[in-house]
C-alpha atoms as a PDB file:
ATOM      1  CA  LEU A   1      13.422 -13.469   6.489  1.00  0.00           C
ATOM      2  CA  ALA A   2      12.359 -11.220   3.599  1.00  0.00           C
ATOM      3  CA  ARG A   3      15.458 -12.230   1.645  1.00  0.00           C
ATOM      4  CA  SER A   4      14.784 -15.921   2.298  1.00  0.00           C
ATOM      5  CA  ILE A   5      11.202 -15.584   1.061  1.00  0.00           C
ATOM      6  CA  LYS A   6      12.374 -13.689  -2.005  1.00  0.00           C
ATOM      7  CA  LYS A   7      14.671 -16.596  -2.858  1.00  0.00           C
ATOM      8  CA  SER A   8      11.819 -19.097  -2.437  1.00  0.00           C
ATOM      9  CA  LEU A   9       9.536 -17.052  -4.676  1.00  0.00           C
ATOM     10  CA  SER A  10      12.121 -17.064  -7.439  1.00  0.00           C
ATOM     11  CA  ARG A  11      11.378 -20.747  -8.035  1.00  0.00           C
ATOM     12  CA  LYS A  12       8.904 -21.554 -10.763  1.00  0.00           C
ATOM     13  CA  VAL A  13       5.492 -23.017  -9.942  1.00  0.00           C
ATOM     14  CA  ASP A  14       3.045 -25.032 -11.996  1.00  0.00           C
ATOM     15  CA  LYS A  15       0.700 -23.151 -14.267  1.00  0.00           C
ATOM     16  CA  GLY A  16      -2.522 -22.032 -12.590  1.00  0.00           C
ATOM     17  CA  ILE A  17      -1.098 -21.995  -9.061  1.00  0.00           C
ATOM     18  CA  ILE A  18      -1.232 -18.708  -7.144  1.00  0.00           C
ATOM     19  CA  ARG A  19       1.236 -18.232  -4.322  1.00  0.00           C
ATOM     20  CA  ALA A  20       0.397 -16.017  -1.359  1.00  0.00           C
ATOM     21  CA  VAL A  21       2.873 -14.598   1.142  1.00  0.00           C
ATOM     22  CA  ILE A  22       1.559 -12.944   4.306  1.00  0.00           C
ATOM     23  CA  PHE A  23       3.684 -10.618   6.438  1.00  0.00           C
ATOM     24  CA  GLU A  24       2.005  -9.951   9.791  1.00  0.00           C
ATOM     25  CA  LYS A  25       2.587  -6.933  12.044  1.00  0.00           C
ATOM     26  CA  MET A  26       4.622  -5.045   9.497  1.00  0.00           C
ATOM     27  CA  GLU A  27       5.158  -2.200  11.961  1.00  0.00           C
ATOM     28  CA  LEU A  28       7.588  -4.466  13.842  1.00  0.00           C
ATOM     29  CA  MET A  29       9.750  -5.256  10.818  1.00  0.00           C
ATOM     30  CA  LYS A  30      13.322  -3.946  10.875  1.00  0.00           C
ATOM     31  CA  THR A  31      14.216  -1.289   8.314  1.00  0.00           C
ATOM     32  CA  SER A  32      16.783  -3.546   6.626  1.00  0.00           C
ATOM     33  CA  SER A  33      14.166  -6.271   6.137  1.00  0.00           C
ATOM     34  CA  ALA A  34      11.596  -3.726   4.955  1.00  0.00           C
ATOM     35  CA  ASP A  35      14.058  -2.504   2.318  1.00  0.00           C
ATOM     36  CA  ALA A  36      14.491  -6.065   1.042  1.00  0.00           C
ATOM     37  CA  LEU A  37      10.717  -6.494   0.993  1.00  0.00           C
ATOM     38  CA  LEU A  38      10.347  -3.281  -0.984  1.00  0.00           C
ATOM     39  CA  LYS A  39      12.364  -4.764  -3.833  1.00  0.00           C
ATOM     40  CA  MET A  40      10.093  -7.806  -3.781  1.00  0.00           C
ATOM     41  CA  ILE A  41       7.007  -5.584  -4.046  1.00  0.00           C
ATOM     42  CA  GLU A  42       8.485  -3.516  -6.865  1.00  0.00           C
ATOM     43  CA  GLU A  43       9.332  -6.592  -8.939  1.00  0.00           C
ATOM     44  CA  PRO A  44       6.774  -9.263  -7.947  1.00  0.00           C
ATOM     45  CA  GLN A  45       7.122 -12.779  -9.247  1.00  0.00           C
ATOM     46  CA  PRO A  46       4.388 -14.071 -11.596  1.00  0.00           C
ATOM     47  CA  ASN A  47       1.283 -15.549  -9.952  1.00  0.00           C
ATOM     48  CA  THR A  48       2.301 -14.214  -6.547  1.00  0.00           C
ATOM     49  CA  VAL A  49       0.219 -12.200  -4.084  1.00  0.00           C
ATOM     50  CA  ILE A  50       1.971 -10.421  -1.213  1.00  0.00           C
ATOM     51  CA  ILE A  51      -0.228  -9.461   1.742  1.00  0.00           C
ATOM     52  CA  LEU A  52       1.018  -7.089   4.439  1.00  0.00           C
ATOM     53  CA  THR A  53      -0.900  -6.640   7.684  1.00  0.00           C
ATOM     54  CA  SER A  54      -0.368  -3.926  10.259  1.00  0.00           C
ATOM     55  CA  ASN A  55      -2.149  -2.503  13.274  1.00  0.00           C
ATOM     56  CA  ARG A  56      -0.012   0.642  12.931  1.00  0.00           C
ATOM     57  CA  PRO A  57       0.290   1.362   9.184  1.00  0.00           C
ATOM     58  CA  GLU A  58       1.631   4.845   9.929  1.00  0.00           C
ATOM     59  CA  PHE A  59       4.882   3.176  11.039  1.00  0.00           C
ATOM     60  CA  LEU A  60       5.497   1.565   7.640  1.00  0.00           C
ATOM     61  CA  LEU A  61       8.010   3.015   5.201  1.00  0.00           C
ATOM     62  CA  PRO A  62       6.448   5.627   2.867  1.00  0.00           C
ATOM     63  CA  THR A  63       7.876   3.711  -0.088  1.00  0.00           C
ATOM     64  CA  ILE A  64       5.899   0.618   0.946  1.00  0.00           C
ATOM     65  CA  HIS A  65       2.763   2.719   1.417  1.00  0.00           C
ATOM     66  CA  SER A  66       3.045   4.090  -2.112  1.00  0.00           C
ATOM     67  CA  ARG A  67       3.390   0.644  -3.689  1.00  0.00           C
ATOM     68  CA  ALA A  68       0.657  -1.201  -1.815  1.00  0.00           C
ATOM     69  CA  GLN A  69      -3.084  -1.373  -2.334  1.00  0.00           C
ATOM     70  CA  LYS A  70      -4.712  -0.523   0.977  1.00  0.00           C
ATOM     71  CA  ILE A  71      -7.660  -2.468   2.381  1.00  0.00           C
ATOM     72  CA  LYS A  72      -8.915  -1.193   5.729  1.00  0.00           C
ATOM     73  CA  LEU A  73     -10.550  -3.679   8.086  1.00  0.00           C
ATOM     74  CA  ASP A  74     -12.687  -2.202  10.851  1.00  0.00           C
ATOM     75  CA  ARG A  75     -11.732  -2.995  14.408  1.00  0.00           C
ATOM     76  CA  THR A  76     -13.993  -5.236  16.438  1.00  0.00           C
ATOM     77  CA  LYS A  77     -16.078  -3.399  19.012  1.00  0.00           C
ATOM     78  CA  PRO A  78     -14.680  -4.004  22.536  1.00  0.00           C
ATOM     79  CA  GLU A  79     -17.919  -5.486  23.823  1.00  0.00           C
ATOM     80  CA  VAL A  80     -18.133  -7.906  20.867  1.00  0.00           C
ATOM     81  CA  LEU A  81     -14.512  -9.006  21.296  1.00  0.00           C
ATOM     82  CA  GLU A  82     -15.045  -9.369  25.034  1.00  0.00           C
ATOM     83  CA  GLU A  83     -17.982 -11.748  24.518  1.00  0.00           C
ATOM     84  CA  TYR A  84     -16.025 -13.728  21.923  1.00  0.00           C
ATOM     85  CA  LEU A  85     -13.072 -14.209  24.284  1.00  0.00           C
ATOM     86  CA  LYS A  86     -15.324 -15.362  27.114  1.00  0.00           C
ATOM     87  CA  ALA A  87     -17.159 -17.800  24.834  1.00  0.00           C
ATOM     88  CA  HIS A  88     -14.068 -19.416  23.284  1.00  0.00           C
ATOM     89  CA  TYR A  89     -11.419 -19.198  26.020  1.00  0.00           C
ATOM     90  CA  GLU A  90     -11.512 -20.040  29.702  1.00  0.00           C
ATOM     91  CA  ILE A  91     -10.892 -16.557  31.062  1.00  0.00           C
ATOM     92  CA  SER A  92     -12.740 -14.405  33.566  1.00  0.00           C
ATOM     93  CA  ASP A  93     -15.065 -11.536  32.675  1.00  0.00           C
ATOM     94  CA  ILE A  94     -12.536  -9.046  34.038  1.00  0.00           C
ATOM     95  CA  LYS A  95      -9.654 -10.455  31.998  1.00  0.00           C
ATOM     96  CA  ALA A  96     -11.779 -10.580  28.833  1.00  0.00           C
ATOM     97  CA  LYS A  97     -12.694  -6.922  29.311  1.00  0.00           C
ATOM     98  CA  LEU A  98      -9.068  -5.953  29.905  1.00  0.00           C
ATOM     99  CA  LEU A  99      -7.763  -7.857  26.867  1.00  0.00           C
ATOM    100  CA  SER A 100     -10.457  -6.431  24.602  1.00  0.00           C
ATOM    101  CA  LYS A 101      -9.254  -2.942  25.524  1.00  0.00           C
ATOM    102  CA  ILE A 102      -5.521  -3.672  25.409  1.00  0.00           C
ATOM    103  CA  SER A 103      -5.821  -5.236  21.944  1.00  0.00           C
ATOM    104  CA  GLU A 104      -7.716  -2.129  20.747  1.00  0.00           C
ATOM    105  CA  GLY A 105     -10.245  -4.155  18.787  1.00  0.00           C
ATOM    106  CA  TYR A 106      -7.796  -6.551  17.127  1.00  0.00           C
ATOM    107  CA  PRO A 107      -8.910 -10.147  17.890  1.00  0.00           C
ATOM    108  CA  GLY A 108      -5.593 -11.606  16.722  1.00  0.00           C
ATOM    109  CA  ASP A 109      -3.657  -9.603  19.300  1.00  0.00           C
ATOM    110  CA  ALA A 110      -6.003 -10.644  22.104  1.00  0.00           C
ATOM    111  CA  ILE A 111      -5.825 -14.325  21.125  1.00  0.00           C
ATOM    112  CA  GLU A 112      -2.047 -14.199  20.752  1.00  0.00           C
ATOM    113  CA  PHE A 113      -1.816 -12.800  24.251  1.00  0.00           C
ATOM    114  CA  ILE A 114      -3.955 -15.631  25.641  1.00  0.00           C
ATOM    115  CA  ASP A 115      -2.208 -18.389  23.697  1.00  0.00           C
ATOM    116  CA  HIS A 116       1.455 -17.739  24.230  1.00  0.00           C
ATOM    117  CA  ASP A 117       2.524 -14.123  24.354  1.00  0.00           C
ATOM    118  CA  HIS A 118       1.418 -12.947  27.787  1.00  0.00           C
ATOM    119  CA  ASP A 119       4.954 -13.128  29.173  1.00  0.00           C
ATOM    120  CA  SER A 120       6.651 -11.149  26.401  1.00  0.00           C
ATOM    121  CA  ASP A 121       8.075  -7.712  27.137  1.00  0.00           C
ATOM    122  CA  SER A 122       5.785  -6.069  24.576  1.00  0.00           C
ATOM    123  CA  SER A 123       2.682  -7.604  26.172  1.00  0.00           C
ATOM    124  CA  LYS A 124       3.760  -6.573  29.658  1.00  0.00           C
ATOM    125  CA  ARG A 125       4.340  -3.024  28.432  1.00  0.00           C
ATOM    126  CA  ALA A 126       0.964  -2.978  26.667  1.00  0.00           C
ATOM    127  CA  ILE A 127      -0.787  -4.075  29.862  1.00  0.00           C
ATOM    128  CA  GLY A 128       1.211  -1.672  32.014  1.00  0.00           C
ATOM    129  CA  PHE A 129       0.484   1.244  29.719  1.00  0.00           C
ATOM    130  CA  TYR A 130      -3.220   0.464  29.453  1.00  0.00           C
ATOM    131  CA  LEU A 131      -3.449   0.344  33.252  1.00  0.00           C
ATOM    132  CA  PHE A 132      -1.589   3.656  33.489  1.00  0.00           C
ATOM    133  CA  LYS A 133      -3.886   5.252  30.907  1.00  0.00           C
ATOM    134  CA  SER A 134      -6.895   3.916  32.806  1.00  0.00           C
ATOM    135  CA  LEU A 135      -5.449   5.414  35.973  1.00  0.00           C
ATOM    136  CA  VAL A 136      -5.119   8.823  34.330  1.00  0.00           C
ATOM    137  CA  ASN A 137      -8.197   9.038  32.118  1.00  0.00           C
ATOM    138  CA  GLU A 138     -11.029   6.884  33.404  1.00  0.00           C
ATOM    139  CA  ARG A 139     -13.339   8.011  36.171  1.00  0.00           C
ATOM    140  CA  ASN A 140     -14.292   4.477  37.178  1.00  0.00           C
ATOM    141  CA  TYR A 141     -12.174   2.205  39.344  1.00  0.00           C
ATOM    142  CA  ASP A 142     -11.903  -0.804  37.028  1.00  0.00           C
ATOM    143  CA  ILE A 143      -8.145  -0.578  37.442  1.00  0.00           C
ATOM    144  CA  CYS A 144      -8.411  -2.150  40.913  1.00  0.00           C
ATOM    145  CA  ALA A 145     -10.119  -5.245  39.511  1.00  0.00           C
ATOM    146  CA  HIS A 146      -7.648  -5.372  36.618  1.00  0.00           C
ATOM    147  CA  LEU A 147      -4.661  -5.239  38.960  1.00  0.00           C
ATOM    148  CA  ASN A 148      -6.062  -8.087  41.037  1.00  0.00           C
ATOM    149  CA  GLU A 149      -6.729 -10.125  37.896  1.00  0.00           C
ATOM    150  CA  MET A 150      -3.397  -9.609  36.155  1.00  0.00           C
ATOM    151  CA  PHE A 151      -0.921  -9.749  39.039  1.00  0.00           C
ATOM    152  CA  ASP A 152      -0.451 -12.921  41.014  1.00  0.00           C
ATOM    153  CA  GLN A 153       0.171 -12.643  44.750  1.00  0.00           C
ATOM    154  CA  SER A 154       3.414 -14.605  44.369  1.00  0.00           C
ATOM    155  CA  ASP A 155       4.878 -12.537  41.510  1.00  0.00           C
ATOM    156  CA  ARG A 156       6.582  -9.712  43.364  1.00  0.00           C
ATOM    157  CA  SER A 157       8.963  -8.878  40.502  1.00  0.00           C
ATOM    158  CA  ALA A 158       6.078  -8.263  38.058  1.00  0.00           C
ATOM    159  CA  ALA A 159       4.489  -5.783  40.467  1.00  0.00           C
ATOM    160  CA  THR A 160       7.834  -4.050  40.961  1.00  0.00           C
ATOM    161  CA  ASN A 161       8.431  -3.792  37.209  1.00  0.00           C
ATOM    162  CA  LEU A 162       4.955  -2.333  36.716  1.00  0.00           C
ATOM    163  CA  LEU A 163       5.596   0.459  39.206  1.00  0.00           C
ATOM    164  CA  ILE A 164       9.029   1.227  37.744  1.00  0.00           C
ATOM    165  CA  PHE A 165       7.356   1.455  34.331  1.00  0.00           C
ATOM    166  CA  TRP A 166       4.714   3.805  35.754  1.00  0.00           C
ATOM    167  CA  GLN A 167       7.489   5.937  37.236  1.00  0.00           C
ATOM    168  CA  SER A 168       9.044   6.353  33.805  1.00  0.00           C
ATOM    169  CA  LEU A 169       5.660   7.209  32.257  1.00  0.00           C
ATOM    170  CA  ILE A 170       4.984   9.890  34.874  1.00  0.00           C
ATOM    171  CA  ARG A 171       8.437  11.303  34.179  1.00  0.00           C
ATOM    172  CA  ASP A 172       7.753  11.283  30.414  1.00  0.00           C
ATOM    173  CA  CYS A 173       4.377  13.001  30.763  1.00  0.00           C
ATOM    174  CA  ALA A 174       5.743  15.719  33.043  1.00  0.00           C
ATOM    175  CA  SER A 175       8.832  16.189  30.856  1.00  0.00           C
ATOM    176  CA  TYR A 176       6.850  16.530  27.637  1.00  0.00           C
ATOM    177  CA  LEU A 177       4.433  19.015  29.183  1.00  0.00           C
ATOM    178  CA  ILE A 178       7.358  21.251  30.164  1.00  0.00           C
ATOM    179  CA  ASN A 179       9.717  20.826  27.210  1.00  0.00           C
ATOM    180  CA  GLN A 180       7.417  19.727  24.359  1.00  0.00           C
ATOM    181  CA  ASN A 181      10.318  17.616  23.094  1.00  0.00           C
ATOM    182  CA  GLU A 182       9.473  14.036  22.187  1.00  0.00           C
ATOM    183  CA  ASN A 183      13.165  13.229  21.687  1.00  0.00           C
ATOM    184  CA  GLU A 184      13.597  13.330  25.470  1.00  0.00           C
ATOM    185  CA  LEU A 185      11.002  10.629  26.117  1.00  0.00           C
ATOM    186  CA  ILE A 186      12.070   7.286  27.558  1.00  0.00           C
ATOM    187  CA  ASN A 187       9.064   5.304  26.339  1.00  0.00           C
ATOM    188  CA  VAL A 188       9.222   6.227  22.669  1.00  0.00           C
ATOM    189  CA  ASP A 189       6.842   3.406  21.684  1.00  0.00           C
ATOM    190  CA  PHE A 190       4.037   5.329  23.416  1.00  0.00           C
ATOM    191  CA  THR A 191       5.016   8.807  22.211  1.00  0.00           C
ATOM    192  CA  GLU A 192       1.654   9.871  20.777  1.00  0.00           C
ATOM    193  CA  GLU A 193      -0.282   8.624  23.802  1.00  0.00           C
ATOM    194  CA  ILE A 194       2.145  10.318  26.207  1.00  0.00           C
ATOM    195  CA  LYS A 195       1.618  13.633  24.413  1.00  0.00           C
ATOM    196  CA  LYS A 196      -2.120  13.351  25.044  1.00  0.00           C
ATOM    197  CA  LEU A 197      -1.757  12.271  28.673  1.00  0.00           C
ATOM    198  CA  SER A 198       0.816  14.943  29.524  1.00  0.00           C
ATOM    199  CA  THR A 199      -1.864  17.619  30.012  1.00  0.00           C
ATOM    200  CA  LYS A 200      -2.975  15.783  33.163  1.00  0.00           C
ATOM    201  CA  PHE A 201       0.415  16.416  34.793  1.00  0.00           C
ATOM    202  CA  ASN A 202       0.364  20.210  34.930  1.00  0.00           C
ATOM    203  CA  ASN A 203       0.914  20.404  38.691  1.00  0.00           C
ATOM    204  CA  SER A 204       4.542  19.834  39.686  1.00  0.00           C
ATOM    205  CA  GLN A 205       3.589  19.122  43.295  1.00  0.00           C
ATOM    206  CA  THR A 206       1.223  16.367  42.151  1.00  0.00           C
ATOM    207  CA  VAL A 207       3.987  14.805  40.058  1.00  0.00           C
ATOM    208  CA  LEU A 208       6.365  14.817  43.029  1.00  0.00           C
ATOM    209  CA  GLU A 209       3.735  13.269  45.305  1.00  0.00           C
ATOM    210  CA  MET A 210       2.982  10.532  42.775  1.00  0.00           C
ATOM    211  CA  ALA A 211       6.677   9.734  42.399  1.00  0.00           C
ATOM    212  CA  GLU A 212       7.045   9.552  46.186  1.00  0.00           C
ATOM    213  CA  GLN A 213       4.028   7.252  46.545  1.00  0.00           C
ATOM    214  CA  ILE A 214       5.463   4.830  43.995  1.00  0.00           C
ATOM    215  CA  LYS A 215       8.853   4.982  45.737  1.00  0.00           C
ATOM    216  CA  ILE A 216       7.229   4.064  49.068  1.00  0.00           C
ATOM    217  CA  THR A 217       5.280   1.192  47.492  1.00  0.00           C
ATOM    218  CA  LEU A 218       8.429  -0.161  45.829  1.00  0.00           C
ATOM    219  CA  ALA A 219      10.070  -0.219  49.256  1.00  0.00           C
ATOM    220  CA  ASP A 220       7.011  -1.993  50.692  1.00  0.00           C
ATOM    221  CA  LEU A 221       7.188  -4.640  47.957  1.00  0.00           C
ATOM    222  CA  ARG A 222      10.699  -5.516  49.086  1.00  0.00           C
ATOM    223  CA  ARG A 223       9.128  -6.490  52.383  1.00  0.00           C
ATOM    224  CA  ASN A 224       6.524  -9.191  52.866  1.00  0.00           C
ATOM    225  CA  VAL A 225       3.471  -7.086  51.969  1.00  0.00           C
ATOM    226  CA  HIS A 226       0.368  -8.271  50.137  1.00  0.00           C
ATOM    227  CA  ILE A 227       1.184  -7.566  46.470  1.00  0.00           C
ATOM    228  CA  GLN A 228      -2.331  -7.014  45.160  1.00  0.00           C
ATOM    229  CA  GLY A 229      -3.209  -4.923  48.193  1.00  0.00           C
ATOM    230  CA  ALA A 230      -0.117  -2.747  47.733  1.00  0.00           C
ATOM    231  CA  LEU A 231      -0.825  -2.219  44.018  1.00  0.00           C
ATOM    232  CA  THR A 232      -4.469  -1.375  44.631  1.00  0.00           C
ATOM    233  CA  ALA A 233      -3.579   1.069  47.412  1.00  0.00           C
ATOM    234  CA  VAL A 234      -0.991   2.950  45.360  1.00  0.00           C
ATOM    235  CA  ALA A 235      -3.296   3.017  42.312  1.00  0.00           C
ATOM    236  CA  LEU A 236      -6.046   4.632  44.386  1.00  0.00           C
ATOM    237  CA  LYS A 237      -3.593   7.183  45.806  1.00  0.00           C
ATOM    238  CA  LEU A 238      -2.255   8.062  42.351  1.00  0.00           C
ATOM    239  CA  LYS A 239      -5.763   8.377  40.959  1.00  0.00           C
ATOM    240  CA  SER A 240      -6.731  10.598  43.874  1.00  0.00           C
ATOM    241  CA  ASN A 241      -3.730  12.859  43.183  1.00  0.00           C
ATOM    242  CA  LEU A 242      -4.751  13.308  39.552  1.00  0.00           C
ATOM    243  CA  GLU A 243      -8.361  14.100  40.429  1.00  0.00           C
ATOM    244  CA  MET A 244      -7.487  16.842  42.925  1.00  0.00           C
END
C-alpha cells in the first residue's frame, strides 16, 4: 500500500493544491511497508502532508520517530466516551462502559468496534484480555455483567475460545513470574500488561486450581449447560482464588 501511494504522489498536481495522506494505526503496519513509507517521509513530494496516527507510538520504527513531528492528542475520559456512545449508538449502558474501557479512551476504536469490527480476532482478544484484567485487578464484580452482555447464550464456541485464551494468559503470567523471560510468552501482543499482572500469580497452588476450574468449565460447555451461567460461575471462582 505504501508503495502504491508513493507512486500516486509522484504525479504532479495543480498549483495551490495541498495533498494529504493519512496512515491510521501505524503500529499495525508491516516492517516492509514501514520501510517503504520511511523513504516517502525522507523525500516528500511538494505540497504534500503525510499524517501518521497511532495508539501505540512506541511500536513504530525509531527511524520514523526521528523524522516525524509529534502531536499528542489526549485520550477521552472513559465516562465521557461512555456517554457519547450511549447518545449516538443503540447500545446498553453496560456495553458502553465496557467499550469505553477496552478502547482505552480512543473514540475511533470504540466506534470501529460497534460499526464492523466486533467479530475480528483482534477485537475478540482485546475484549478477552480486558475481561481477564478486570478479573485479576478490579475489586468489583462488573465482569459478571460484562460477560452476560458480550456473550450470547447460543454462541458456545465464543465462550470456549474465551476460556482457552484465559488459560494461555494464566500460563503466561505464571511463567513470567518464575522465569522473567518475555520470549517465552504466548500472548506477545500483551507482553507489558502480562508483566504487571504476573505478580498476582505468586501461588502455584492457586494457578493449578484456576487451570483446573477452566478445564472443568470447558468440559461443561461441551454439554448443554447455560453459557452465560457457566462463564459467570467460573469467573467468580477464579476471582475468589486470586483474592485468597
